[in-house]
């Protein structure tokens, strides 16, 4: 679990090639896009956090990002 939105960004940055802000949503929290892997095609999109009170998807997406090899 991440205490702040910035802590989530910092955790994603350890495995991502780039972190991009997609803007703000409820309560001025930033929506982050973590780009992982290489520049191989086709690309895949993994989304998480559609329901703010369901954090398991964020943890799973972060785990996938750290393990994905292209």
C-alpha atoms as a PDB file:
ATOM      1  CA  UNK A   1       0.000   0.000   0.000  1.00  0.00           C
ATOM      2  CA  UNK A   2       1.256   3.479  -0.818  1.00  0.00           C
ATOM      3  CA  UNK A   3       0.793   6.315   1.655  1.00  0.00           C
ATOM      4  CA  UNK A   4       0.813   9.028  -1.009  1.00  0.00           C
ATOM      5  CA  UNK A   5       0.379   9.427  -4.740  1.00  0.00           C
ATOM      6  CA  UNK A   6       4.025  10.466  -4.939  1.00  0.00           C
ATOM      7  CA  UNK A   7       5.056   7.216  -3.215  1.00  0.00           C
ATOM      8  CA  UNK A   8       3.189   5.297  -5.940  1.00  0.00           C
ATOM      9  CA  UNK A   9       5.009   7.296  -8.626  1.00  0.00           C
ATOM     10  CA  UNK A  10       8.377   6.649  -6.984  1.00  0.00           C
ATOM     11  CA  UNK A  11       7.670   2.907  -6.728  1.00  0.00           C
ATOM     12  CA  UNK A  12       6.692   2.746 -10.393  1.00  0.00           C
ATOM     13  CA  UNK A  13       9.826   4.671 -11.379  1.00  0.00           C
ATOM     14  CA  UNK A  14      12.096   1.915 -10.055  1.00  0.00           C
ATOM     15  CA  UNK A  15      11.054  -0.409 -12.910  1.00  0.00           C
ATOM     16  CA  UNK A  16       9.608   1.888 -15.563  1.00  0.00           C
ATOM     17  CA  UNK A  17      11.399   3.327 -18.563  1.00  0.00           C
ATOM     18  CA  UNK A  18       9.304   6.487 -18.192  1.00  0.00           C
ATOM     19  CA  UNK A  19       6.584   7.874 -15.918  1.00  0.00           C
ATOM     20  CA  UNK A  20       4.095  10.255 -17.520  1.00  0.00           C
ATOM     21  CA  UNK A  21       1.400  12.298 -15.793  1.00  0.00           C
ATOM     22  CA  UNK A  22      -1.988  11.954 -17.504  1.00  0.00           C
ATOM     23  CA  UNK A  23      -3.564  14.734 -15.459  1.00  0.00           C
ATOM     24  CA  UNK A  24      -5.457  14.941 -12.193  1.00  0.00           C
ATOM     25  CA  UNK A  25      -8.634  13.261 -11.023  1.00  0.00           C
ATOM     26  CA  UNK A  26     -10.631  13.208  -7.764  1.00  0.00           C
ATOM     27  CA  UNK A  27      -9.101  15.191  -4.928  1.00  0.00           C
ATOM     28  CA  UNK A  28      -6.350  16.489  -7.252  1.00  0.00           C
ATOM     29  CA  UNK A  29      -4.553  13.127  -7.346  1.00  0.00           C
ATOM     30  CA  UNK A  30      -2.301  12.613 -10.369  1.00  0.00           C
ATOM     31  CA  UNK A  31      -2.983   9.761 -12.773  1.00  0.00           C
ATOM     32  CA  UNK A  32       0.326   8.104 -13.728  1.00  0.00           C
ATOM     33  CA  UNK A  33       1.270   6.166 -16.838  1.00  0.00           C
ATOM     34  CA  UNK A  34       4.280   3.872 -16.351  1.00  0.00           C
ATOM     35  CA  UNK A  35       6.017   2.815 -19.568  1.00  0.00           C
ATOM     36  CA  UNK A  36       7.968  -0.408 -19.232  1.00  0.00           C
ATOM     37  CA  UNK A  37       9.827  -2.870 -21.380  1.00  0.00           C
ATOM     38  CA  UNK A  38      11.510  -1.977 -24.611  1.00  0.00           C
ATOM     39  CA  UNK A  39      10.257  -0.335 -27.756  1.00  0.00           C
ATOM     40  CA  UNK A  40       9.171  -3.673 -29.285  1.00  0.00           C
ATOM     41  CA  UNK A  41       5.866  -3.874 -31.106  1.00  0.00           C
ATOM     42  CA  UNK A  42       3.084  -4.700 -30.663  1.00  0.00           C
ATOM     43  CA  UNK A  43       2.703  -2.910 -27.365  1.00  0.00           C
ATOM     44  CA  UNK A  44       0.409  -4.000 -24.556  1.00  0.00           C
ATOM     45  CA  UNK A  45      -1.647  -1.821 -22.232  1.00  0.00           C
ATOM     46  CA  UNK A  46      -2.168  -2.726 -18.583  1.00  0.00           C
ATOM     47  CA  UNK A  47      -4.592  -0.575 -16.628  1.00  0.00           C
ATOM     48  CA  UNK A  48      -5.280  -0.458 -12.915  1.00  0.00           C
ATOM     49  CA  UNK A  49      -6.932   1.774 -10.385  1.00  0.00           C
ATOM     50  CA  UNK A  50     -10.277   2.259 -12.116  1.00  0.00           C
ATOM     51  CA  UNK A  51     -11.973   1.951  -8.732  1.00  0.00           C
ATOM     52  CA  UNK A  52     -10.123   4.097  -6.215  1.00  0.00           C
ATOM     53  CA  UNK A  53     -10.858   1.806  -3.268  1.00  0.00           C
ATOM     54  CA  UNK A  54      -9.588  -1.345  -5.030  1.00  0.00           C
ATOM     55  CA  UNK A  55      -5.803  -1.219  -4.729  1.00  0.00           C
ATOM     56  CA  UNK A  56      -4.970  -4.834  -5.616  1.00  0.00           C
ATOM     57  CA  UNK A  57      -4.944  -3.980  -9.339  1.00  0.00           C
ATOM     58  CA  UNK A  58      -2.276  -1.329  -8.751  1.00  0.00           C
ATOM     59  CA  UNK A  59      -0.110  -3.811  -6.891  1.00  0.00           C
ATOM     60  CA  UNK A  60      -0.578  -6.469  -9.597  1.00  0.00           C
ATOM     61  CA  UNK A  61       0.184  -4.003 -12.420  1.00  0.00           C
ATOM     62  CA  UNK A  62       3.327  -2.852 -10.622  1.00  0.00           C
ATOM     63  CA  UNK A  63       4.404  -6.462 -10.121  1.00  0.00           C
ATOM     64  CA  UNK A  64       3.853  -7.200 -13.798  1.00  0.00           C
ATOM     65  CA  UNK A  65       5.864  -4.141 -14.801  1.00  0.00           C
ATOM     66  CA  UNK A  66       8.796  -5.286 -12.644  1.00  0.00           C
ATOM     67  CA  UNK A  67       8.756  -8.817 -14.136  1.00  0.00           C
ATOM     68  CA  UNK A  68       7.880  -8.178 -17.767  1.00  0.00           C
ATOM     69  CA  UNK A  69      10.745  -8.851 -20.160  1.00  0.00           C
ATOM     70  CA  UNK A  70      10.648  -7.916 -23.808  1.00  0.00           C
END
